[in-house]
Amino acid sequence: MQTKPQRVLLILIGITLTVILSVSGSFKPNLNVVSTGALAQENPTATIDRFQTGLLLINQVNPTGYERSRDSLVDIAPDFIRLGIEFPYGDVLSRPGLDLKLRQIATVAALTALGTAQPQLRFHIEGALNVGCTREEIIELITQMSVYAGFPKAANAMIVAREVFQELDAQSS
């Protein structure tokens, strides 16, 4: 559960990103996205399209991480896996206005600020590297978050980043 300062921080990050994107003219909402719930039930192919769109996108970001996540939960929560593809990837990350690199930077920053989502942070650090972020950019991003999220959360995120880098180095040797 998030504390009030954590919620305020996340709201401020969201407002800051919205203002920056609005001022730069980069924010172009997609108003044709079909939501979940009743609309999806009226148009079941929309759910399939959202899933397929999300699946294509998550496989660009982190295909092996997705497979690990899917395999660890599919036997007990297949709908949870589907929802985790449809909404974040099929609806939100597939929107125009930000490229995947910027979206991964924002996600790593938010997960660092949360401080309680190490598996997801690992996934998105891997994803950030996969879509063009450098190790140096990730380290600098986490360092910057120490100012806004607190040093302990940033230190924990730095440990996750180091583990990801070490695993990648071990795979390449």
N, C-alpha and C. Protein backbone atom coordinates (compact mmCIF):
# COMPACT_ATOMS: atom_id res chain seq x y z
N MET A 1 0.84 -1.17 0.00
CA MET A 1 0.00 0.00 0.00
C MET A 1 0.88 1.24 0.00
N GLN A 2 0.50 2.21 -0.80
CA GLN A 2 1.29 3.43 -0.92
C GLN A 2 0.93 4.41 0.19
N THR A 3 1.93 5.15 0.61
CA THR A 3 1.69 6.21 1.57
C THR A 3 1.20 7.44 0.83
N LYS A 4 0.68 8.40 1.56
CA LYS A 4 0.20 9.63 0.94
C LYS A 4 1.32 10.34 0.16
N PRO A 5 2.54 10.47 0.71
CA PRO A 5 3.61 11.10 -0.07
C PRO A 5 3.92 10.35 -1.37
N GLN A 6 3.82 9.01 -1.34
CA GLN A 6 4.07 8.24 -2.56
C GLN A 6 2.99 8.54 -3.60
N ARG A 7 1.74 8.59 -3.17
CA ARG A 7 0.65 8.89 -4.10
C ARG A 7 0.82 10.29 -4.68
N VAL A 8 1.17 11.24 -3.83
CA VAL A 8 1.38 12.61 -4.30
C VAL A 8 2.52 12.65 -5.31
N LEU A 9 3.60 11.93 -5.04
CA LEU A 9 4.73 11.88 -5.96
C LEU A 9 4.31 11.33 -7.32
N LEU A 10 3.56 10.23 -7.32
CA LEU A 10 3.12 9.65 -8.59
C LEU A 10 2.19 10.59 -9.34
N ILE A 11 1.32 11.28 -8.62
CA ILE A 11 0.44 12.26 -9.27
C ILE A 11 1.27 13.38 -9.88
N LEU A 12 2.26 13.87 -9.14
CA LEU A 12 3.12 14.94 -9.66
C LEU A 12 3.90 14.49 -10.89
N ILE A 13 4.39 13.26 -10.88
CA ILE A 13 5.10 12.74 -12.05
C ILE A 13 4.15 12.71 -13.25
N GLY A 14 2.93 12.23 -13.03
CA GLY A 14 1.94 12.18 -14.11
C GLY A 14 1.59 13.56 -14.63
N ILE A 15 1.38 14.51 -13.73
CA ILE A 15 1.06 15.88 -14.14
C ILE A 15 2.22 16.48 -14.92
N THR A 16 3.43 16.27 -14.43
CA THR A 16 4.62 16.81 -15.11
C THR A 16 4.74 16.25 -16.52
N LEU A 17 4.59 14.94 -16.67
CA LEU A 17 4.66 14.34 -18.00
C LEU A 17 3.56 14.87 -18.90
N THR A 18 2.34 15.02 -18.39
CA THR A 18 1.23 15.52 -19.18
C THR A 18 1.49 16.94 -19.64
N VAL A 19 1.98 17.79 -18.74
CA VAL A 19 2.28 19.18 -19.10
C VAL A 19 3.37 19.24 -20.15
N ILE A 20 4.45 18.50 -19.95
CA ILE A 20 5.55 18.50 -20.92
C ILE A 20 5.05 18.06 -22.29
N LEU A 21 4.28 16.98 -22.32
CA LEU A 21 3.80 16.47 -23.59
C LEU A 21 2.79 17.41 -24.23
N SER A 22 1.94 18.03 -23.44
CA SER A 22 0.95 18.96 -23.98
C SER A 22 1.63 20.18 -24.58
N VAL A 23 2.59 20.74 -23.85
CA VAL A 23 3.30 21.93 -24.32
C VAL A 23 4.09 21.62 -25.59
N SER A 24 4.69 20.45 -25.64
CA SER A 24 5.51 20.11 -26.81
C SER A 24 4.67 19.69 -28.01
N GLY A 25 3.37 19.49 -27.80
CA GLY A 25 2.50 19.05 -28.88
C GLY A 25 2.59 17.57 -29.16
N SER A 26 3.27 16.82 -28.29
CA SER A 26 3.44 15.39 -28.49
C SER A 26 2.28 14.56 -27.99
N PHE A 27 1.41 15.16 -27.20
CA PHE A 27 0.31 14.41 -26.59
C PHE A 27 -0.87 14.37 -27.55
N LYS A 28 -1.15 13.20 -28.10
CA LYS A 28 -2.25 13.02 -29.04
C LYS A 28 -3.07 11.83 -28.58
N PRO A 29 -4.07 12.06 -27.73
CA PRO A 29 -4.83 10.93 -27.22
C PRO A 29 -5.57 10.18 -28.31
N ASN A 30 -5.64 8.89 -28.17
CA ASN A 30 -6.39 8.03 -29.08
C ASN A 30 -7.77 7.82 -28.50
N LEU A 31 -8.75 8.53 -29.03
CA LEU A 31 -10.10 8.46 -28.48
C LEU A 31 -10.90 7.29 -29.04
N ASN A 32 -10.32 6.50 -29.89
CA ASN A 32 -11.03 5.37 -30.49
C ASN A 32 -10.76 4.05 -29.79
N VAL A 33 -10.08 4.07 -28.66
CA VAL A 33 -9.75 2.85 -27.93
C VAL A 33 -11.00 2.30 -27.27
N VAL A 34 -11.26 1.02 -27.45
CA VAL A 34 -12.39 0.37 -26.81
C VAL A 34 -11.98 -0.01 -25.40
N SER A 35 -12.78 0.37 -24.43
CA SER A 35 -12.43 0.05 -23.04
C SER A 35 -12.86 -1.36 -22.70
N THR A 36 -12.48 -1.79 -21.50
CA THR A 36 -12.88 -3.11 -21.03
C THR A 36 -14.30 -3.04 -20.52
N GLY A 37 -14.80 -4.12 -20.03
CA GLY A 37 -16.14 -4.14 -19.43
C GLY A 37 -17.23 -4.26 -20.47
N ALA A 38 -18.29 -3.46 -20.32
CA ALA A 38 -19.48 -3.60 -21.15
C ALA A 38 -19.17 -3.40 -22.63
N LEU A 39 -18.36 -2.40 -22.96
CA LEU A 39 -18.06 -2.18 -24.37
C LEU A 39 -17.34 -3.38 -24.98
N ALA A 40 -16.43 -3.96 -24.26
CA ALA A 40 -15.72 -5.14 -24.76
C ALA A 40 -16.67 -6.31 -24.93
N GLN A 41 -17.67 -6.43 -24.06
CA GLN A 41 -18.64 -7.52 -24.19
C GLN A 41 -19.53 -7.31 -25.41
N GLU A 42 -19.83 -6.05 -25.73
CA GLU A 42 -20.63 -5.76 -26.92
C GLU A 42 -19.83 -6.04 -28.19
N ASN A 43 -18.53 -5.91 -28.12
CA ASN A 43 -17.66 -6.09 -29.28
C ASN A 43 -16.49 -6.99 -28.90
N PRO A 44 -16.73 -8.32 -28.86
CA PRO A 44 -15.67 -9.23 -28.40
C PRO A 44 -14.41 -9.19 -29.25
N THR A 45 -14.52 -8.83 -30.53
CA THR A 45 -13.31 -8.77 -31.35
C THR A 45 -12.40 -7.64 -30.89
N ALA A 46 -12.96 -6.62 -30.24
CA ALA A 46 -12.12 -5.54 -29.72
C ALA A 46 -11.15 -6.07 -28.68
N THR A 47 -11.62 -7.00 -27.83
CA THR A 47 -10.75 -7.58 -26.82
C THR A 47 -9.63 -8.38 -27.47
N ILE A 48 -9.96 -9.13 -28.52
CA ILE A 48 -8.94 -9.89 -29.24
C ILE A 48 -7.93 -8.94 -29.87
N ASP A 49 -8.42 -7.85 -30.49
CA ASP A 49 -7.52 -6.88 -31.09
C ASP A 49 -6.62 -6.23 -30.05
N ARG A 50 -7.18 -5.90 -28.90
CA ARG A 50 -6.40 -5.29 -27.82
C ARG A 50 -5.33 -6.26 -27.34
N PHE A 51 -5.69 -7.53 -27.21
CA PHE A 51 -4.72 -8.52 -26.77
C PHE A 51 -3.62 -8.69 -27.80
N GLN A 52 -3.99 -8.81 -29.08
CA GLN A 52 -2.98 -8.98 -30.13
C GLN A 52 -2.06 -7.77 -30.23
N THR A 53 -2.64 -6.58 -30.16
CA THR A 53 -1.84 -5.35 -30.17
C THR A 53 -0.88 -5.34 -28.99
N GLY A 54 -1.41 -5.67 -27.81
CA GLY A 54 -0.59 -5.70 -26.60
C GLY A 54 0.51 -6.74 -26.67
N LEU A 55 0.18 -7.91 -27.22
CA LEU A 55 1.16 -8.99 -27.33
C LEU A 55 2.30 -8.60 -28.26
N LEU A 56 1.97 -7.96 -29.38
CA LEU A 56 3.02 -7.50 -30.29
C LEU A 56 3.94 -6.49 -29.60
N LEU A 57 3.34 -5.60 -28.83
CA LEU A 57 4.12 -4.56 -28.16
C LEU A 57 4.98 -5.12 -27.04
N ILE A 58 4.42 -5.99 -26.20
CA ILE A 58 5.21 -6.53 -25.09
C ILE A 58 6.36 -7.38 -25.62
N ASN A 59 6.18 -7.99 -26.77
CA ASN A 59 7.26 -8.77 -27.36
C ASN A 59 8.36 -7.89 -27.95
N GLN A 60 8.04 -6.63 -28.23
CA GLN A 60 9.08 -5.67 -28.62
C GLN A 60 9.86 -5.21 -27.39
N VAL A 61 9.15 -5.05 -26.28
CA VAL A 61 9.77 -4.54 -25.06
C VAL A 61 10.61 -5.61 -24.37
N ASN A 62 10.00 -6.77 -24.09
CA ASN A 62 10.71 -7.78 -23.30
C ASN A 62 10.08 -9.15 -23.49
N PRO A 63 10.38 -9.82 -24.60
CA PRO A 63 9.74 -11.12 -24.86
C PRO A 63 10.09 -12.19 -23.83
N THR A 64 11.34 -12.26 -23.40
CA THR A 64 11.68 -13.31 -22.43
C THR A 64 11.09 -13.00 -21.06
N GLY A 65 11.05 -11.73 -20.71
CA GLY A 65 10.42 -11.35 -19.44
C GLY A 65 8.94 -11.64 -19.44
N TYR A 66 8.29 -11.41 -20.58
CA TYR A 66 6.87 -11.73 -20.68
C TYR A 66 6.65 -13.23 -20.52
N GLU A 67 7.48 -14.03 -21.18
CA GLU A 67 7.34 -15.48 -21.07
C GLU A 67 7.51 -15.95 -19.62
N ARG A 68 8.48 -15.38 -18.91
CA ARG A 68 8.67 -15.73 -17.49
C ARG A 68 7.44 -15.38 -16.67
N SER A 69 6.91 -14.18 -16.87
CA SER A 69 5.72 -13.74 -16.13
C SER A 69 4.53 -14.62 -16.45
N ARG A 70 4.32 -14.84 -17.74
CA ARG A 70 3.18 -15.66 -18.18
C ARG A 70 3.28 -17.06 -17.60
N ASP A 71 4.43 -17.68 -17.74
CA ASP A 71 4.59 -19.05 -17.29
C ASP A 71 4.43 -19.20 -15.78
N SER A 72 4.76 -18.15 -15.03
CA SER A 72 4.65 -18.25 -13.57
C SER A 72 3.23 -18.07 -13.06
N LEU A 73 2.33 -17.55 -13.90
CA LEU A 73 0.96 -17.27 -13.42
C LEU A 73 -0.16 -17.90 -14.24
N VAL A 74 0.14 -18.38 -15.43
CA VAL A 74 -0.93 -18.81 -16.33
C VAL A 74 -1.76 -19.95 -15.76
N ASP A 75 -1.16 -20.81 -14.96
CA ASP A 75 -1.91 -21.94 -14.41
C ASP A 75 -2.91 -21.52 -13.34
N ILE A 76 -2.66 -20.43 -12.65
CA ILE A 76 -3.59 -20.01 -11.60
C ILE A 76 -4.41 -18.78 -11.98
N ALA A 77 -3.94 -17.98 -12.95
CA ALA A 77 -4.64 -16.72 -13.26
C ALA A 77 -4.52 -16.34 -14.73
N PRO A 78 -5.07 -17.16 -15.64
CA PRO A 78 -4.94 -16.83 -17.07
C PRO A 78 -5.60 -15.50 -17.44
N ASP A 79 -6.72 -15.17 -16.79
CA ASP A 79 -7.36 -13.88 -17.08
C ASP A 79 -6.49 -12.71 -16.64
N PHE A 80 -5.75 -12.90 -15.55
CA PHE A 80 -4.85 -11.85 -15.07
C PHE A 80 -3.76 -11.58 -16.11
N ILE A 81 -3.25 -12.64 -16.72
CA ILE A 81 -2.25 -12.49 -17.77
C ILE A 81 -2.85 -11.73 -18.95
N ARG A 82 -4.05 -12.11 -19.36
CA ARG A 82 -4.73 -11.44 -20.48
C ARG A 82 -4.92 -9.95 -20.18
N LEU A 83 -5.43 -9.65 -18.99
CA LEU A 83 -5.67 -8.26 -18.62
C LEU A 83 -4.36 -7.47 -18.56
N GLY A 84 -3.29 -8.12 -18.13
CA GLY A 84 -1.99 -7.47 -18.07
C GLY A 84 -1.40 -7.17 -19.43
N ILE A 85 -1.94 -7.77 -20.46
CA ILE A 85 -1.53 -7.47 -21.83
C ILE A 85 -2.48 -6.44 -22.44
N GLU A 86 -3.78 -6.67 -22.30
CA GLU A 86 -4.77 -5.82 -22.96
C GLU A 86 -4.71 -4.36 -22.52
N PHE A 87 -4.78 -4.13 -21.21
CA PHE A 87 -4.86 -2.74 -20.76
C PHE A 87 -3.53 -1.99 -20.89
N PRO A 88 -2.47 -2.43 -20.19
CA PRO A 88 -1.26 -1.60 -20.27
C PRO A 88 -0.65 -1.56 -21.68
N TYR A 89 -0.60 -2.70 -22.35
CA TYR A 89 0.08 -2.73 -23.65
C TYR A 89 -0.87 -2.49 -24.81
N GLY A 90 -2.05 -3.09 -24.78
CA GLY A 90 -3.00 -2.93 -25.88
C GLY A 90 -3.67 -1.58 -25.91
N ASP A 91 -3.88 -0.97 -24.74
CA ASP A 91 -4.58 0.31 -24.67
C ASP A 91 -3.64 1.49 -24.44
N VAL A 92 -2.73 1.40 -23.48
CA VAL A 92 -1.97 2.57 -23.05
C VAL A 92 -0.63 2.69 -23.78
N LEU A 93 0.22 1.68 -23.70
CA LEU A 93 1.54 1.80 -24.30
C LEU A 93 1.51 1.84 -25.83
N SER A 94 0.41 1.43 -26.42
CA SER A 94 0.29 1.44 -27.88
C SER A 94 -0.20 2.79 -28.41
N ARG A 95 -0.50 3.71 -27.52
CA ARG A 95 -0.98 5.02 -27.95
C ARG A 95 0.13 5.80 -28.65
N PRO A 96 -0.28 6.71 -29.55
CA PRO A 96 0.72 7.58 -30.17
C PRO A 96 1.17 8.65 -29.17
N GLY A 97 2.26 9.30 -29.45
CA GLY A 97 2.68 10.42 -28.62
C GLY A 97 4.00 10.21 -27.92
N LEU A 98 4.31 8.98 -27.54
CA LEU A 98 5.60 8.66 -26.92
C LEU A 98 6.14 7.40 -27.57
N ASP A 99 7.43 7.38 -27.81
CA ASP A 99 8.01 6.14 -28.32
C ASP A 99 8.25 5.18 -27.15
N LEU A 100 8.60 3.95 -27.48
CA LEU A 100 8.77 2.93 -26.45
C LEU A 100 9.90 3.28 -25.48
N LYS A 101 10.94 3.92 -25.96
CA LYS A 101 12.05 4.28 -25.07
C LYS A 101 11.57 5.25 -23.99
N LEU A 102 10.84 6.29 -24.38
CA LEU A 102 10.32 7.24 -23.39
C LEU A 102 9.33 6.58 -22.44
N ARG A 103 8.52 5.68 -22.96
CA ARG A 103 7.56 4.98 -22.10
C ARG A 103 8.28 4.10 -21.08
N GLN A 104 9.36 3.46 -21.49
CA GLN A 104 10.12 2.63 -20.55
C GLN A 104 10.85 3.49 -19.52
N ILE A 105 11.34 4.65 -19.94
CA ILE A 105 11.97 5.57 -18.98
C ILE A 105 10.95 5.99 -17.93
N ALA A 106 9.75 6.36 -18.36
CA ALA A 106 8.70 6.76 -17.41
C ALA A 106 8.33 5.61 -16.49
N THR A 107 8.27 4.41 -17.04
CA THR A 107 7.89 3.25 -16.24
C THR A 107 8.96 2.90 -15.21
N VAL A 108 10.22 2.92 -15.61
CA VAL A 108 11.30 2.65 -14.66
C VAL A 108 11.30 3.70 -13.55
N ALA A 109 11.06 4.96 -13.91
CA ALA A 109 11.00 6.02 -12.89
C ALA A 109 9.85 5.77 -11.92
N ALA A 110 8.68 5.44 -12.44
CA ALA A 110 7.52 5.21 -11.58
C ALA A 110 7.73 4.00 -10.67
N LEU A 111 8.26 2.92 -11.21
CA LEU A 111 8.49 1.72 -10.40
C LEU A 111 9.58 1.95 -9.35
N THR A 112 10.57 2.77 -9.69
CA THR A 112 11.58 3.14 -8.70
C THR A 112 10.92 3.92 -7.57
N ALA A 113 10.03 4.85 -7.93
CA ALA A 113 9.34 5.66 -6.92
C ALA A 113 8.44 4.81 -6.03
N LEU A 114 7.82 3.80 -6.61
CA LEU A 114 6.97 2.91 -5.80
C LEU A 114 7.80 2.18 -4.75
N GLY A 115 8.93 1.67 -5.17
CA GLY A 115 9.82 1.00 -4.23
C GLY A 115 9.39 -0.38 -3.79
N THR A 116 8.29 -0.87 -4.31
CA THR A 116 7.75 -2.17 -3.86
C THR A 116 7.49 -3.13 -5.01
N ALA A 117 8.06 -2.85 -6.16
CA ALA A 117 7.74 -3.65 -7.34
C ALA A 117 9.01 -4.12 -8.04
N GLN A 118 9.88 -4.80 -7.29
CA GLN A 118 11.16 -5.21 -7.87
C GLN A 118 11.02 -6.14 -9.08
N PRO A 119 10.11 -7.13 -9.08
CA PRO A 119 10.00 -7.95 -10.29
C PRO A 119 9.58 -7.14 -11.52
N GLN A 120 8.66 -6.20 -11.33
CA GLN A 120 8.23 -5.37 -12.44
C GLN A 120 9.33 -4.40 -12.86
N LEU A 121 10.07 -3.89 -11.88
CA LEU A 121 11.20 -3.01 -12.19
C LEU A 121 12.24 -3.76 -13.01
N ARG A 122 12.55 -4.98 -12.62
CA ARG A 122 13.49 -5.82 -13.37
C ARG A 122 13.01 -5.96 -14.83
N PHE A 123 11.73 -6.30 -14.99
CA PHE A 123 11.14 -6.48 -16.32
C PHE A 123 11.33 -5.21 -17.16
N HIS A 124 11.06 -4.05 -16.56
CA HIS A 124 11.10 -2.82 -17.34
C HIS A 124 12.51 -2.26 -17.52
N ILE A 125 13.44 -2.59 -16.64
CA ILE A 125 14.84 -2.25 -16.91
C ILE A 125 15.32 -3.07 -18.10
N GLU A 126 14.99 -4.36 -18.12
CA GLU A 126 15.32 -5.19 -19.28
C GLU A 126 14.67 -4.62 -20.53
N GLY A 127 13.40 -4.23 -20.41
CA GLY A 127 12.67 -3.66 -21.53
C GLY A 127 13.29 -2.36 -22.01
N ALA A 128 13.69 -1.50 -21.08
CA ALA A 128 14.32 -0.24 -21.45
C ALA A 128 15.60 -0.49 -22.27
N LEU A 129 16.39 -1.46 -21.84
CA LEU A 129 17.59 -1.81 -22.59
C LEU A 129 17.23 -2.34 -23.98
N ASN A 130 16.16 -3.13 -24.05
CA ASN A 130 15.74 -3.72 -25.33
C ASN A 130 15.26 -2.67 -26.33
N VAL A 131 14.74 -1.54 -25.85
CA VAL A 131 14.21 -0.53 -26.78
C VAL A 131 15.15 0.66 -26.95
N GLY A 132 16.40 0.52 -26.50
CA GLY A 132 17.40 1.52 -26.83
C GLY A 132 17.98 2.34 -25.70
N CYS A 133 17.53 2.15 -24.48
CA CYS A 133 18.17 2.85 -23.36
C CYS A 133 19.54 2.24 -23.11
N THR A 134 20.45 3.06 -22.69
CA THR A 134 21.77 2.56 -22.32
C THR A 134 21.80 2.30 -20.81
N ARG A 135 22.77 1.54 -20.40
CA ARG A 135 22.96 1.31 -18.97
C ARG A 135 23.19 2.63 -18.24
N GLU A 136 23.95 3.50 -18.86
CA GLU A 136 24.24 4.79 -18.25
C GLU A 136 22.97 5.61 -18.05
N GLU A 137 22.06 5.57 -19.03
CA GLU A 137 20.79 6.30 -18.89
C GLU A 137 19.96 5.73 -17.74
N ILE A 138 19.94 4.42 -17.62
CA ILE A 138 19.17 3.79 -16.54
C ILE A 138 19.76 4.17 -15.19
N ILE A 139 21.08 4.12 -15.06
CA ILE A 139 21.74 4.50 -13.81
C ILE A 139 21.43 5.96 -13.48
N GLU A 140 21.52 6.83 -14.47
CA GLU A 140 21.25 8.26 -14.24
C GLU A 140 19.79 8.49 -13.87
N LEU A 141 18.89 7.77 -14.51
CA LEU A 141 17.46 7.87 -14.19
C LEU A 141 17.20 7.48 -12.74
N ILE A 142 17.75 6.36 -12.32
CA ILE A 142 17.56 5.90 -10.94
C ILE A 142 18.20 6.89 -9.96
N THR A 143 19.38 7.40 -10.32
CA THR A 143 20.03 8.40 -9.47
C THR A 143 19.14 9.63 -9.31
N GLN A 144 18.56 10.09 -10.40
CA GLN A 144 17.65 11.24 -10.34
C GLN A 144 16.45 10.95 -9.45
N MET A 145 15.95 9.74 -9.48
CA MET A 145 14.78 9.39 -8.67
C MET A 145 15.10 9.41 -7.18
N SER A 146 16.38 9.34 -6.81
CA SER A 146 16.73 9.42 -5.39
C SER A 146 16.29 10.76 -4.80
N VAL A 147 16.28 11.80 -5.62
CA VAL A 147 15.86 13.12 -5.17
C VAL A 147 14.35 13.15 -4.89
N TYR A 148 13.58 12.49 -5.73
CA TYR A 148 12.12 12.58 -5.66
C TYR A 148 11.46 11.43 -4.91
N ALA A 149 12.07 10.26 -4.96
CA ALA A 149 11.45 9.08 -4.35
C ALA A 149 12.13 8.69 -3.04
N GLY A 150 13.32 9.19 -2.82
CA GLY A 150 14.06 8.84 -1.62
C GLY A 150 15.23 7.94 -1.94
N PHE A 151 16.27 8.10 -1.18
CA PHE A 151 17.50 7.36 -1.43
C PHE A 151 17.34 5.85 -1.26
N PRO A 152 16.63 5.36 -0.23
CA PRO A 152 16.49 3.91 -0.09
C PRO A 152 15.80 3.25 -1.29
N LYS A 153 14.76 3.89 -1.82
CA LYS A 153 14.08 3.31 -2.98
C LYS A 153 14.99 3.31 -4.20
N ALA A 154 15.72 4.39 -4.38
CA ALA A 154 16.65 4.45 -5.51
C ALA A 154 17.77 3.43 -5.33
N ALA A 155 18.25 3.26 -4.11
CA ALA A 155 19.30 2.26 -3.85
C ALA A 155 18.80 0.86 -4.17
N ASN A 156 17.57 0.56 -3.79
CA ASN A 156 17.00 -0.75 -4.11
C ASN A 156 16.86 -0.93 -5.62
N ALA A 157 16.45 0.13 -6.31
CA ALA A 157 16.34 0.06 -7.77
C ALA A 157 17.72 -0.13 -8.40
N MET A 158 18.72 0.51 -7.83
CA MET A 158 20.09 0.37 -8.35
C MET A 158 20.56 -1.08 -8.21
N ILE A 159 20.19 -1.73 -7.12
CA ILE A 159 20.55 -3.14 -6.93
C ILE A 159 19.90 -4.00 -8.01
N VAL A 160 18.63 -3.72 -8.31
CA VAL A 160 17.93 -4.46 -9.36
C VAL A 160 18.63 -4.23 -10.70
N ALA A 161 18.99 -2.97 -10.99
CA ALA A 161 19.68 -2.67 -12.25
C ALA A 161 21.00 -3.42 -12.34
N ARG A 162 21.76 -3.43 -11.25
CA ARG A 162 23.04 -4.16 -11.25
C ARG A 162 22.81 -5.64 -11.54
N GLU A 163 21.80 -6.24 -10.92
CA GLU A 163 21.50 -7.66 -11.16
C GLU A 163 21.16 -7.90 -12.62
N VAL A 164 20.35 -7.02 -13.21
CA VAL A 164 20.00 -7.16 -14.63
C VAL A 164 21.26 -7.07 -15.49
N PHE A 165 22.11 -6.08 -15.23
CA PHE A 165 23.34 -5.92 -16.01
C PHE A 165 24.24 -7.14 -15.87
N GLN A 166 24.37 -7.67 -14.65
CA GLN A 166 25.22 -8.85 -14.43
C GLN A 166 24.67 -10.06 -15.18
N GLU A 167 23.35 -10.24 -15.17
CA GLU A 167 22.75 -11.36 -15.89
C GLU A 167 22.99 -11.23 -17.39
N LEU A 168 22.85 -10.03 -17.92
CA LEU A 168 23.10 -9.82 -19.35
C LEU A 168 24.56 -10.07 -19.69
N ASP A 169 25.47 -9.62 -18.83
CA ASP A 169 26.90 -9.86 -19.06
C ASP A 169 27.21 -11.35 -19.04
N ALA A 170 26.60 -12.08 -18.12
CA ALA A 170 26.83 -13.53 -18.02
C ALA A 170 26.30 -14.25 -19.26
N GLN A 171 25.17 -13.78 -19.79
CA GLN A 171 24.60 -14.41 -20.99
C GLN A 171 25.46 -14.15 -22.22
N SER A 172 26.10 -12.98 -22.27
CA SER A 172 26.88 -12.65 -23.47
C SER A 172 28.29 -13.21 -23.44
N SER A 173 28.71 -13.79 -22.31
CA SER A 173 30.07 -14.35 -22.27
C SER A 173 30.06 -15.85 -22.38
